[in-house]
Amino acid sequence: MMELIVQEPKRSSKDLPNGQHQGTITAVEYRDYKEYSYCDLIIETNDKIVIKASFPAFVSPTSKLGKLLVDFGGTLEIGKGIDPEHFLVGKVCTFLSMKNDKGYANIVAGSIHPVK
């Protein structure tokens, strides 16, 4: 017989109200969808709710991911590589969320900023 431990229910982005939140970037994940590649930030709020923000995995001084990396202390040099995990994982941030028509919270584009 195997004994399982009873745990708190997992909270989802449905539990996250609209508005401003603070959390920590806990991971950076990469995925491909059709012919596109994405960089996903996994953020855990102070209320222990995990939410994901997705960016096209393209870095330039004018791209969404490039601007985010600069906000978090990265320096972009044309032709050189940059590791998003180095600048993002473990960093505390603020962001805005808004629920979609199915009741799940999404992070508002351009609203992730470091806490200084």
Protein backbone atom coordinates (compact mmCIF):
# COMPACT_ATOMS: atom_id res chain seq x y z
CA MET A 1 0.00 0.00 0.00
CA MET A 2 1.18 3.50 -0.80
CA GLU A 3 0.40 6.44 1.44
CA LEU A 4 -0.14 9.81 -0.22
CA ILE A 5 0.18 13.14 1.52
CA VAL A 6 -2.85 15.44 1.42
CA GLN A 7 -1.82 18.83 0.06
CA GLU A 8 -3.28 22.28 -0.43
CA PRO A 9 -5.17 22.59 -3.73
CA LYS A 10 -3.06 24.04 -6.54
CA ARG A 11 -3.98 27.58 -7.41
CA SER A 12 -4.31 28.58 -11.04
CA SER A 13 -4.36 31.86 -12.90
CA LYS A 14 -8.16 31.78 -12.45
CA ASP A 15 -7.43 32.73 -8.82
CA LEU A 16 -5.46 35.83 -9.86
CA PRO A 17 -7.59 38.99 -9.91
CA ASN A 18 -7.18 41.73 -12.50
CA GLY A 19 -4.62 44.34 -11.55
CA GLN A 20 -1.02 44.77 -10.48
CA HIS A 21 0.91 41.92 -8.86
CA GLN A 22 4.39 41.12 -7.66
CA GLY A 23 6.21 37.85 -8.08
CA THR A 24 9.48 36.10 -8.82
CA ILE A 25 10.59 34.75 -12.18
CA THR A 26 11.30 31.10 -11.36
CA ALA A 27 12.17 29.69 -14.78
CA VAL A 28 12.65 30.40 -18.46
CA GLU A 29 11.35 27.74 -20.84
CA TYR A 30 11.54 27.47 -24.61
CA ARG A 31 9.04 25.94 -27.02
CA ASP A 32 8.34 25.74 -30.71
CA TYR A 33 4.91 26.15 -32.25
CA LYS A 34 4.63 25.61 -35.98
CA GLU A 35 7.49 27.62 -37.49
CA TYR A 36 7.84 29.96 -34.48
CA SER A 37 9.93 29.72 -31.31
CA TYR A 38 8.85 31.19 -27.97
CA CYS A 39 10.51 32.07 -24.69
CA ASP A 40 8.17 31.59 -21.71
CA LEU A 41 8.76 33.21 -18.34
CA ILE A 42 7.32 31.32 -15.40
CA ILE A 43 6.38 33.73 -12.62
CA GLU A 44 5.24 32.74 -9.13
CA THR A 45 3.28 35.48 -7.40
CA ASN A 46 3.63 36.30 -3.73
CA ASP A 47 0.30 34.44 -3.32
CA LYS A 48 1.89 31.24 -4.78
CA ILE A 49 -0.01 31.43 -8.08
CA VAL A 50 2.05 30.43 -11.12
CA ILE A 51 1.49 32.32 -14.37
CA LYS A 52 3.32 32.31 -17.68
CA ALA A 53 4.33 35.16 -19.99
CA SER A 54 5.31 34.29 -23.57
CA PHE A 55 7.62 36.20 -25.87
CA PRO A 56 8.79 35.45 -29.40
CA ALA A 57 12.30 33.97 -28.99
CA PHE A 58 13.87 36.78 -30.99
CA VAL A 59 16.22 39.29 -29.41
CA SER A 60 16.96 42.72 -30.85
CA PRO A 61 17.06 46.18 -29.30
CA THR A 62 13.46 46.75 -30.44
CA SER A 63 11.93 43.29 -29.77
CA LYS A 64 9.72 42.62 -26.74
CA LEU A 65 12.22 40.13 -25.31
CA GLY A 66 15.16 42.43 -26.02
CA LYS A 67 13.52 45.35 -24.22
CA LEU A 68 12.68 43.09 -21.26
CA LEU A 69 16.29 41.88 -21.00
CA VAL A 70 17.56 45.47 -21.01
CA ASP A 71 15.03 46.37 -18.27
CA PHE A 72 16.47 43.54 -16.15
CA GLY A 73 20.10 44.61 -16.67
CA GLY A 74 21.09 42.92 -19.91
CA THR A 75 23.28 44.56 -22.52
CA LEU A 76 22.44 43.80 -26.13
CA GLU A 77 25.29 43.67 -28.61
CA ILE A 78 24.44 42.95 -32.25
CA GLY A 79 25.91 39.58 -33.26
CA LYS A 80 26.57 38.43 -29.66
CA GLY A 81 24.58 35.88 -27.64
CA ILE A 82 22.66 36.60 -24.45
CA ASP A 83 21.28 34.12 -21.88
CA PRO A 84 17.80 35.22 -20.71
CA GLU A 85 17.98 32.91 -17.67
CA HIS A 86 21.02 34.76 -16.36
CA PHE A 87 19.17 38.08 -16.28
CA LEU A 88 15.66 36.91 -15.38
CA VAL A 89 15.54 33.82 -13.13
CA GLY A 90 15.29 34.71 -9.45
CA LYS A 91 14.38 38.34 -10.12
CA VAL A 92 11.40 39.96 -8.42
CA CYS A 93 9.05 41.73 -10.80
CA THR A 94 5.73 43.50 -11.02
CA PHE A 95 3.17 42.93 -13.75
CA LEU A 96 -0.44 43.64 -14.66
CA SER A 97 -2.94 40.84 -15.24
CA MET A 98 -6.28 40.79 -16.98
CA LYS A 99 -8.69 37.86 -17.19
CA ASN A 100 -9.64 36.49 -20.60
CA ASP A 101 -13.15 35.40 -21.60
CA LYS A 102 -12.58 31.96 -20.02
CA GLY A 103 -11.68 33.46 -16.64
CA TYR A 104 -7.93 32.82 -16.78
CA ALA A 105 -5.53 35.67 -16.04
CA ASN A 106 -3.09 36.76 -18.73
CA ILE A 107 -0.13 39.06 -18.21
CA VAL A 108 -0.65 42.36 -20.02
CA ALA A 109 1.97 42.80 -22.75
CA GLY A 110 4.78 45.16 -21.78
CA SER A 111 3.79 45.24 -18.10
CA ILE A 112 6.61 43.12 -16.60
CA HIS A 113 9.16 45.30 -14.82
CA PRO A 114 11.90 44.62 -12.27
CA VAL A 115 11.41 45.66 -8.66
CA LYS A 116 14.27 47.97 -7.82
